[in-house]
Protein backbone atom coordinates (compact mmCIF):
# COMPACT_ATOMS: atom_id res chain seq x y z
CA MET A 1 -19.12 -7.71 11.98
CA VAL A 2 -16.62 -7.62 9.34
CA LYS A 3 -13.68 -10.38 8.48
CA PRO A 4 -11.41 -9.18 7.54
CA ASN A 5 -9.40 -10.29 4.26
CA ILE A 6 -6.89 -12.73 4.82
CA LEU A 7 -4.26 -13.87 2.18
CA ALA A 8 -3.23 -17.50 2.23
CA GLY A 9 -2.32 -20.28 -0.05
CA ILE A 10 0.45 -20.92 -2.94
CA PRO A 11 2.20 -18.42 -4.00
CA SER A 12 1.13 -16.06 -7.78
CA ASP A 13 5.06 -14.71 -7.46
CA TYR A 14 8.05 -14.45 -5.48
CA VAL A 15 10.09 -10.70 -5.23
CA PRO A 16 13.91 -10.58 -4.25
CA VAL A 17 14.89 -8.37 -1.20
CA THR A 18 17.35 -6.28 -0.53
CA PRO A 19 17.41 -5.89 2.60
CA ASN A 20 17.56 -2.14 4.09
CA ASP A 21 17.93 -0.04 7.70
CA SER A 22 16.38 3.00 6.36
CA THR A 23 13.80 2.13 3.22
CA ASP A 24 10.17 0.24 2.94
CA ASN A 25 11.34 -2.07 1.06
CA VAL A 26 8.51 -5.31 0.55
CA PRO A 27 5.57 -4.82 -1.52
CA THR A 28 2.80 -2.81 0.34
CA SER A 29 0.21 -5.87 -0.67
CA GLY A 30 -0.93 -9.17 -1.57
CA VAL A 31 2.50 -10.75 0.64
CA ILE A 32 1.65 -13.29 2.39
CA GLY A 33 5.28 -14.83 3.52
CA LEU A 34 9.32 -14.76 3.12
CA TYR A 35 11.03 -17.38 1.52
CA VAL A 36 14.83 -17.87 2.99
CA GLY A 37 17.12 -19.72 0.96
CA GLY A 38 20.45 -19.66 3.10
CA ALA A 39 19.89 -20.17 7.47
CA GLY A 40 20.45 -17.37 9.78
CA ASP A 41 18.72 -14.63 11.57
CA VAL A 42 15.93 -12.65 9.63
CA VAL A 43 15.01 -9.09 11.34
CA ILE A 44 11.96 -7.96 10.25
CA THR A 45 10.71 -4.19 10.58
CA ASN A 46 5.94 -5.49 10.77
CA ASN A 47 3.06 -3.06 10.35
CA ALA A 48 3.25 -1.93 13.94
CA GLY A 49 7.10 -0.24 13.49
CA PHE A 50 8.59 -2.87 15.35
CA ASP A 51 11.44 -5.61 15.02
CA ARG A 52 11.61 -9.35 14.98
CA THR A 53 14.52 -11.06 14.61
CA ILE A 54 13.30 -14.19 13.64
CA ALA A 55 16.17 -17.55 12.96
CA VAL A 56 16.13 -19.71 10.27
CA THR A 57 17.26 -22.68 8.54
CA ASP A 58 17.72 -23.77 4.99
CA SER A 59 15.29 -23.25 2.79
CA ALA A 60 12.53 -21.96 5.54
CA TYR A 61 9.26 -20.43 4.46
CA LEU A 62 7.87 -17.90 7.40
CA PRO A 63 3.73 -17.52 7.08
CA LEU A 64 4.17 -13.32 7.61
CA MET A 65 1.85 -10.77 6.37
CA SER A 66 2.55 -7.70 8.29
CA LEU A 67 5.82 -6.39 7.04
CA THR A 68 6.98 -3.54 5.91
CA ARG A 69 10.90 -3.80 5.78
CA VAL A 70 13.46 -7.12 5.73
CA LYS A 71 16.52 -4.75 8.06
CA SER A 72 20.18 -5.35 6.83
CA THR A 73 21.52 -4.45 10.11
CA GLY A 74 20.82 -8.04 12.27
CA THR A 75 20.04 -10.20 8.75
CA THR A 76 22.32 -13.01 8.20
CA ALA A 77 20.01 -15.32 6.34
CA THR A 78 20.80 -14.91 2.26
CA GLY A 79 18.33 -15.21 -0.78
CA ILE A 80 15.32 -13.32 0.79
CA LEU A 81 12.89 -13.84 -1.55
CA VAL A 82 8.77 -11.99 -0.55
CA ALA A 83 5.71 -14.53 -2.03
CA VAL A 84 2.88 -12.66 -2.90
CA ALA A 85 -0.48 -13.77 -3.88
């Protein structure tokens, strides 16, 4: 059995994300999470195409690797950055 590649650890960079409902806005590889500066809801689309709403506090780190988009509709959190390995 082949083990999947799993990215983890300390991010090497953070990339700002502008939420968008129609265009993928998350890098296609190396993503290990999201950092959210201001509290609120973050709506993401995962790799399977499902939308998920996550409530976060100020300065939250979400260890998410399987997402393609941070959506604008429903996202109230601010200062969203993608953490990349």
